[in-house]
Amino acid sequence: MQTLSDSDISPDSSSGIPKAPRKKRKLWDALVKQRYLYLMSLPFVIWVFVFNYLPLWGWTMAFQNYKPARSFTEQKWVGFDNFIQLFSDERFYLVMRNTLAMSLMGLVLGFVIPIIFAVLLNELRGMMFKRVIQTVSYLPHFVSWVVVAGIITKLLSTDGGIINDILVNLHIIDQPIQFMAKGNLFWYIVTASDIWKETGWNTIIYLAAITGIDMELYEASRVDGANRFKQMWHITLPGIRSTISVLLIMSIGHLISIGFEKQFLLGNSLVTDYSEVLDLYALNYGLNMGRFSYGTAIGVFNSIVSVILLFTANGIFKKVTKESIM
């Protein structure tokens, strides 16, 4: 048991109250003073616990031969057998290739383009034109992937697809290309679709960070003769560096958790070897085939790798930039 030293229990010169009880009293006073804020946050804490932490109990299925009709005590424990099967499956490594390829392409292009777009949009002087461009750019975010997949499929269609029509009319190709049937093009189609859909929305947070930059810095740079490009490079980008770092760390943490909607809706049987990602693999081999324990093992692997990537990225950025999100 930890004991208090004489200095910890010595009376305060002004009040005569020992330091340790005084700290507890200050903490209690702060809790009472901000009780409404804590009460307002309580529903969100409960929501996070119920939907984010309580389901972690289901991870036990990854170490069982889970049967839905049996109770928890009646389940057969198999240890790491599901993980051994996972790492022994050749399909798993093909799926990881697809996941990492599309994740890295989306991380590089989907992270850099919104920053460039936000900086250029900030340089527009006409407020009306600026608001129109911003509104039009983030509207696709509110369109579901079902609709987006239909639009992309129609644009790339060999029968009346505008992309093929343009390429043929410009004599770039002799006959329409079946874009959706070529596996080597699938990664690029998914990445381009995601950028078109999310660039405007991802730009909002950078524009909000840019508004926090002191305008006197721009005025001083203009006095020193800096043009607009130098202002962007030496003021705007350094001014949002912390925001860029935080979002990049979070993006790296979700490197293999890219979902499956895009791949599921844009994919088909001809490009399965290029369209199947880890989440879609868990859905096909877990739920659809009734291998619930195997699907859970895939989810556990996904979560653990995401946590490792998050802490690794945060540690690297903490050493390099002295900034951290944890």
Protein backbone atom coordinates (compact mmCIF):
# COMPACT_ATOMS: atom_id res chain seq x y z
CA MET A 1 0.00 0.00 0.00
CA GLN A 2 1.30 3.43 -0.95
CA THR A 3 1.90 5.74 2.04
CA LEU A 4 1.85 9.49 2.08
CA SER A 5 5.04 11.27 2.94
CA ASP A 6 5.19 14.09 5.46
CA SER A 7 5.24 16.63 2.67
CA ASP A 8 1.99 15.21 1.23
CA ILE A 9 0.09 15.46 4.50
CA SER A 10 1.55 18.70 5.72
CA PRO A 11 -1.12 21.37 6.13
CA ASP A 12 -1.37 24.04 3.48
CA SER A 13 -0.05 27.36 4.75
CA SER A 14 -3.28 29.15 3.86
CA SER A 15 -6.04 26.63 4.63
CA GLY A 16 -4.50 23.99 6.85
CA ILE A 17 -6.02 21.20 4.65
CA PRO A 18 -3.68 18.31 3.72
CA LYS A 19 -2.63 18.27 0.05
CA ALA A 20 -4.03 14.84 -0.85
CA PRO A 21 -7.59 15.52 0.42
CA ARG A 22 -7.39 19.00 -1.11
CA LYS A 23 -6.66 17.49 -4.56
CA LYS A 24 -9.64 15.15 -4.18
CA ARG A 25 -11.80 18.07 -3.17
CA LYS A 26 -10.70 20.05 -6.24
CA LEU A 27 -11.52 17.08 -8.44
CA TRP A 28 -14.95 16.72 -6.84
CA ASP A 29 -15.59 20.45 -7.21
CA ALA A 30 -14.69 20.24 -10.89
CA LEU A 31 -17.05 17.30 -11.37
CA VAL A 32 -19.87 19.14 -9.67
CA LYS A 33 -19.19 22.32 -11.63
CA GLN A 34 -19.20 20.51 -14.98
CA ARG A 35 -21.91 17.99 -14.12
CA TYR A 36 -24.12 19.01 -17.03
CA LEU A 37 -21.32 18.46 -19.53
CA TYR A 38 -20.70 14.99 -18.13
CA LEU A 39 -24.41 14.20 -18.22
CA MET A 40 -24.58 15.33 -21.84
CA SER A 41 -21.65 13.08 -22.77
CA LEU A 42 -23.02 10.07 -20.86
CA PRO A 43 -25.31 8.83 -23.70
CA PHE A 44 -22.38 8.87 -26.12
CA VAL A 45 -20.17 6.98 -23.66
CA ILE A 46 -22.90 4.35 -23.29
CA TRP A 47 -23.31 4.18 -27.08
CA VAL A 48 -19.56 3.62 -27.58
CA PHE A 49 -19.48 0.95 -24.88
CA VAL A 50 -22.51 -0.93 -26.24
CA PHE A 51 -21.55 -0.84 -29.92
CA ASN A 52 -17.73 -0.76 -29.79
CA TYR A 53 -16.57 -2.54 -26.64
CA LEU A 54 -19.36 -4.95 -25.73
CA PRO A 55 -19.18 -6.75 -29.13
CA LEU A 56 -15.54 -7.61 -28.40
CA TRP A 57 -16.98 -10.50 -26.38
CA GLY A 58 -17.79 -12.06 -29.76
CA TRP A 59 -14.06 -12.47 -30.42
CA THR A 60 -14.27 -15.66 -28.37
CA MET A 61 -15.94 -17.23 -31.42
CA ALA A 62 -12.58 -17.11 -33.22
CA PHE A 63 -11.25 -19.69 -30.74
CA GLN A 64 -14.29 -21.96 -30.95
CA ASN A 65 -16.02 -24.19 -33.45
CA TYR A 66 -19.06 -22.01 -33.05
CA LYS A 67 -22.51 -23.50 -33.52
CA PRO A 68 -25.45 -21.06 -33.29
CA ALA A 69 -27.76 -23.60 -31.62
CA ARG A 70 -25.44 -24.13 -28.65
CA SER A 71 -24.91 -21.97 -25.58
CA PHE A 72 -21.54 -20.45 -24.72
CA THR A 73 -20.61 -23.26 -22.32
CA GLU A 74 -21.51 -25.91 -24.90
CA GLN A 75 -19.21 -24.53 -27.61
CA LYS A 76 -16.14 -26.56 -28.59
CA TRP A 77 -12.89 -24.68 -28.06
CA VAL A 78 -10.33 -25.18 -30.84
CA GLY A 79 -7.63 -22.71 -29.85
CA PHE A 80 -5.82 -21.12 -32.81
CA ASP A 81 -7.06 -23.62 -35.41
CA ASN A 82 -9.10 -20.99 -37.24
CA PHE A 83 -6.07 -18.70 -37.48
CA ILE A 84 -3.91 -21.58 -38.72
CA GLN A 85 -6.47 -22.29 -41.44
CA LEU A 86 -6.56 -18.60 -42.30
CA PHE A 87 -2.80 -18.30 -42.78
CA SER A 88 -2.71 -21.61 -44.66
CA ASP A 89 -5.29 -20.51 -47.22
CA GLU A 90 -3.72 -19.28 -50.48
CA ARG A 91 -6.84 -17.22 -51.13
CA PHE A 92 -6.11 -15.17 -48.02
CA TYR A 93 -2.83 -13.88 -49.47
CA LEU A 94 -4.51 -13.01 -52.76
CA VAL A 95 -7.14 -11.08 -50.82
CA MET A 96 -4.45 -9.30 -48.80
CA ARG A 97 -2.73 -8.28 -52.04
CA ASN A 98 -5.95 -6.72 -53.33
CA THR A 99 -6.67 -5.04 -49.99
CA LEU A 100 -3.21 -3.51 -49.62
CA ALA A 101 -3.05 -2.44 -53.27
CA MET A 102 -6.37 -0.58 -53.20
CA SER A 103 -5.66 0.77 -49.71
CA LEU A 104 -2.28 2.23 -50.68
CA MET A 105 -3.66 3.71 -53.89
CA GLY A 106 -6.55 5.24 -51.96
CA LEU A 107 -4.22 6.44 -49.19
CA VAL A 108 -1.84 8.23 -51.56
CA LEU A 109 -4.30 9.72 -54.01
CA GLY A 110 -7.28 10.01 -51.68
CA PHE A 111 -5.16 11.83 -49.11
CA VAL A 112 -3.10 14.14 -51.30
CA ILE A 113 -5.82 15.28 -53.71
CA PRO A 114 -8.17 16.71 -51.00
CA ILE A 115 -5.27 18.73 -49.56
CA ILE A 116 -4.38 20.17 -52.96
CA PHE A 117 -8.03 20.85 -53.71
CA ALA A 118 -8.55 22.59 -50.34
CA VAL A 119 -5.49 24.81 -50.82
CA LEU A 120 -6.53 25.77 -54.36
CA LEU A 121 -10.13 26.33 -53.29
CA ASN A 122 -8.93 28.63 -50.52
CA GLU A 123 -7.18 30.78 -53.13
CA LEU A 124 -10.41 31.55 -55.01
CA ARG A 125 -11.42 35.18 -54.52
CA GLY A 126 -15.05 35.05 -55.71
CA MET A 127 -17.02 33.83 -52.68
CA MET A 128 -20.09 32.84 -54.69
CA PHE A 129 -18.05 30.80 -57.17
CA LYS A 130 -16.07 29.27 -54.30
CA ARG A 131 -19.22 28.15 -52.49
CA VAL A 132 -20.68 26.67 -55.66
CA ILE A 133 -17.52 24.67 -56.36
CA GLN A 134 -17.37 23.46 -52.76
CA THR A 135 -21.04 22.44 -52.73
CA VAL A 136 -20.83 20.62 -56.05
CA SER A 137 -17.65 18.81 -54.99
CA TYR A 138 -19.01 17.31 -51.77
CA LEU A 139 -22.51 16.40 -53.03
CA PRO A 140 -21.32 12.97 -54.33
CA HIS A 141 -20.52 12.02 -50.73
CA PHE A 142 -24.26 11.83 -50.01
CA VAL A 143 -24.91 9.52 -52.97
CA SER A 144 -24.98 5.85 -51.96
CA TRP A 145 -22.47 3.44 -53.44
CA VAL A 146 -25.33 1.57 -55.11
CA VAL A 147 -26.10 4.64 -57.22
CA VAL A 148 -22.42 5.43 -57.78
CA ALA A 149 -21.75 1.87 -58.96
CA GLY A 150 -24.61 2.17 -61.44
CA ILE A 151 -23.23 5.47 -62.75
CA ILE A 152 -19.68 4.13 -63.11
CA THR A 153 -20.91 0.96 -64.82
CA LYS A 154 -22.97 2.98 -67.30
CA LEU A 155 -20.10 5.40 -68.01
CA LEU A 156 -17.73 2.52 -68.75
CA SER A 157 -20.25 0.41 -70.64
CA THR A 158 -19.48 -0.79 -74.17
CA ASP A 159 -23.06 -0.01 -75.17
CA GLY A 160 -23.49 3.76 -75.10
CA GLY A 161 -20.89 4.39 -72.40
CA ILE A 162 -19.59 7.95 -72.66
CA ILE A 163 -15.97 6.97 -71.93
CA ASN A 164 -15.83 4.45 -74.76
CA ASP A 165 -17.66 6.84 -77.09
CA ILE A 166 -15.10 9.58 -76.46
CA LEU A 167 -12.14 7.23 -76.94
CA VAL A 168 -13.58 5.83 -80.17
CA ASN A 169 -14.51 9.25 -81.58
CA LEU A 170 -11.01 10.55 -80.84
CA HIS A 171 -9.60 7.46 -82.61
CA ILE A 172 -7.64 6.49 -79.50
CA ILE A 173 -9.14 2.99 -79.69
CA ASP A 174 -10.71 1.11 -82.58
CA GLN A 175 -13.47 -0.62 -80.62
CA PRO A 176 -15.02 -0.22 -77.15
CA ILE A 177 -13.12 -1.67 -74.21
CA GLN A 178 -14.85 -3.84 -71.62
CA PHE A 179 -13.47 -1.97 -68.64
CA MET A 180 -15.54 -3.82 -66.04
CA ALA A 181 -14.31 -7.20 -67.32
CA LYS A 182 -10.59 -6.44 -67.04
CA GLY A 183 -9.15 -7.32 -63.67
CA ASN A 184 -5.97 -5.28 -64.16
CA LEU A 185 -8.11 -2.12 -64.43
CA PHE A 186 -10.36 -2.81 -61.45
CA TRP A 187 -8.09 -1.22 -58.81
CA TYR A 188 -7.88 2.00 -60.81
CA ILE A 189 -11.65 2.11 -61.37
CA VAL A 190 -12.35 1.68 -57.64
CA THR A 191 -9.74 4.28 -56.64
CA ALA A 192 -10.98 6.84 -59.18
CA SER A 193 -14.59 6.27 -58.10
CA ASP A 194 -13.71 6.73 -54.44
CA ILE A 195 -11.75 9.93 -55.13
CA TRP A 196 -14.64 11.39 -57.14
CA LYS A 197 -17.08 10.55 -54.38
CA GLU A 198 -15.12 11.62 -51.29
CA THR A 199 -12.67 14.37 -52.33
CA GLY A 200 -15.08 17.25 -51.71
CA TRP A 201 -16.16 15.89 -48.35
CA ASN A 202 -12.59 15.28 -47.16
CA THR A 203 -11.71 18.82 -48.19
CA ILE A 204 -14.04 20.36 -45.61
CA ILE A 205 -11.82 19.62 -42.62
CA TYR A 206 -8.78 21.12 -44.36
CA LEU A 207 -10.71 24.26 -45.25
CA ALA A 208 -11.77 24.54 -41.61
CA ALA A 209 -8.12 24.25 -40.54
CA ILE A 210 -7.06 26.88 -43.07
CA THR A 211 -9.54 29.38 -41.61
CA GLY A 212 -7.63 29.15 -38.32
CA ILE A 213 -4.43 30.51 -39.85
CA ASP A 214 -3.63 34.10 -38.86
CA MET A 215 -4.35 36.39 -41.83
CA GLU A 216 -1.56 38.71 -40.72
CA LEU A 217 0.93 36.09 -41.88
CA TYR A 218 -0.38 36.42 -45.44
CA GLU A 219 -0.29 40.21 -45.24
CA ALA A 220 3.29 40.17 -43.97
CA SER A 221 4.34 37.76 -46.73
CA ARG A 222 2.79 40.00 -49.39
CA VAL A 223 4.76 42.94 -48.01
CA ASP A 224 7.92 40.82 -48.33
CA GLY A 225 7.08 40.12 -51.96
CA ALA A 226 5.85 36.51 -51.67
CA ASN A 227 3.53 35.41 -54.48
CA ARG A 228 0.46 33.25 -53.94
CA PHE A 229 2.31 30.01 -54.60
CA LYS A 230 4.94 30.83 -51.96
CA GLN A 231 2.16 31.77 -49.54
CA MET A 232 0.55 28.36 -50.06
CA TRP A 233 3.87 26.56 -49.61
CA HIS A 234 5.25 28.48 -46.64
CA ILE A 235 2.07 29.52 -44.78
CA THR A 236 -1.00 27.48 -45.72
CA LEU A 237 0.53 24.00 -45.75
CA PRO A 238 2.60 24.49 -42.55
CA GLY A 239 -0.51 26.00 -40.94
CA ILE A 240 -2.51 22.80 -41.42
CA ARG A 241 0.38 20.41 -40.77
CA SER A 242 -1.05 19.14 -37.49
CA THR A 243 -4.40 18.40 -39.13
CA ILE A 244 -2.66 16.58 -41.97
CA SER A 245 -0.64 14.52 -39.49
CA VAL A 246 -3.67 13.45 -37.46
CA LEU A 247 -5.71 12.45 -40.52
CA LEU A 248 -2.76 10.62 -42.06
CA ILE A 249 -2.21 8.61 -38.88
CA MET A 250 -5.90 7.71 -38.77
CA SER A 251 -5.84 6.74 -42.45
CA ILE A 252 -2.84 4.46 -41.91
CA GLY A 253 -4.68 2.84 -39.00
CA HIS A 254 -7.52 1.93 -41.37
CA LEU A 255 -5.19 0.73 -44.10
CA ILE A 256 -6.69 -2.77 -44.35
CA SER A 257 -10.16 -1.83 -43.09
CA ILE A 258 -11.44 -0.39 -46.32
CA GLY A 259 -14.88 -2.00 -46.25
CA PHE A 260 -16.35 -4.00 -49.10
CA GLU A 261 -19.17 -1.92 -50.60
CA LYS A 262 -17.19 -0.54 -53.54
CA GLN A 263 -15.64 -3.86 -54.41
CA PHE A 264 -18.89 -5.78 -53.97
CA LEU A 265 -20.95 -3.44 -56.15
CA LEU A 266 -18.37 -2.79 -58.89
CA GLY A 267 -17.00 -6.32 -59.01
CA ASN A 268 -18.23 -9.34 -60.94
CA SER A 269 -17.25 -12.95 -61.51
CA LEU A 270 -14.71 -11.95 -64.19
CA VAL A 271 -12.61 -9.80 -61.83
CA THR A 272 -13.00 -11.72 -58.55
CA ASP A 273 -9.25 -12.27 -58.22
CA TYR A 274 -8.79 -8.48 -58.18
CA SER A 275 -11.96 -7.31 -56.42
CA GLU A 276 -12.13 -9.50 -53.31
CA VAL A 277 -10.81 -7.68 -50.24
CA LEU A 278 -10.45 -8.79 -46.63
CA ASP A 279 -13.91 -7.68 -45.47
CA LEU A 280 -15.54 -9.28 -48.51
CA TYR A 281 -13.51 -12.42 -47.88
CA ALA A 282 -14.83 -12.54 -44.31
CA LEU A 283 -18.37 -12.10 -45.60
CA ASN A 284 -18.08 -14.84 -48.23
CA TYR A 285 -16.20 -17.39 -46.13
CA GLY A 286 -17.78 -16.48 -42.81
CA LEU A 287 -21.47 -15.68 -43.10
CA ASN A 288 -22.32 -17.07 -46.54
CA MET A 289 -20.68 -20.44 -45.86
CA GLY A 290 -21.75 -20.60 -42.23
CA ARG A 291 -18.15 -20.63 -40.94
CA PHE A 292 -18.79 -18.06 -38.23
CA SER A 293 -15.63 -18.82 -36.27
CA TYR A 294 -13.48 -18.50 -39.38
CA GLY A 295 -15.11 -15.19 -40.28
CA THR A 296 -14.54 -13.94 -36.73
CA ALA A 297 -10.86 -14.92 -36.95
CA ILE A 298 -10.56 -12.77 -40.08
CA GLY A 299 -12.15 -9.86 -38.23
CA VAL A 300 -9.82 -10.29 -35.24
CA PHE A 301 -6.79 -10.31 -37.54
CA ASN A 302 -8.09 -7.19 -39.27
CA SER A 303 -8.58 -5.32 -35.98
CA ILE A 304 -5.22 -6.31 -34.49
CA VAL A 305 -3.31 -5.27 -37.61
CA SER A 306 -5.20 -1.95 -37.68
CA VAL A 307 -4.27 -1.25 -34.05
CA ILE A 308 -0.61 -2.13 -34.72
CA LEU A 309 -0.53 0.14 -37.76
CA LEU A 310 -2.14 2.96 -35.79
CA PHE A 311 0.35 2.81 -32.92
CA THR A 312 3.29 2.36 -35.30
CA ALA A 313 2.30 5.36 -37.41
CA ASN A 314 1.67 7.44 -34.31
CA GLY A 315 5.07 6.48 -32.87
CA ILE A 316 6.89 7.38 -36.07
CA PHE A 317 5.13 10.73 -36.39
CA LYS A 318 5.77 11.45 -32.70
CA LYS A 319 9.52 11.00 -33.21
CA VAL A 320 9.64 12.92 -36.48
CA THR A 321 7.19 15.78 -35.91
CA LYS A 322 6.87 15.72 -32.10
CA GLU A 323 3.10 15.47 -32.57
CA SER A 324 0.83 12.66 -31.41
CA ILE A 325 -2.86 11.79 -31.36
CA MET A 326 -2.55 9.51 -28.32
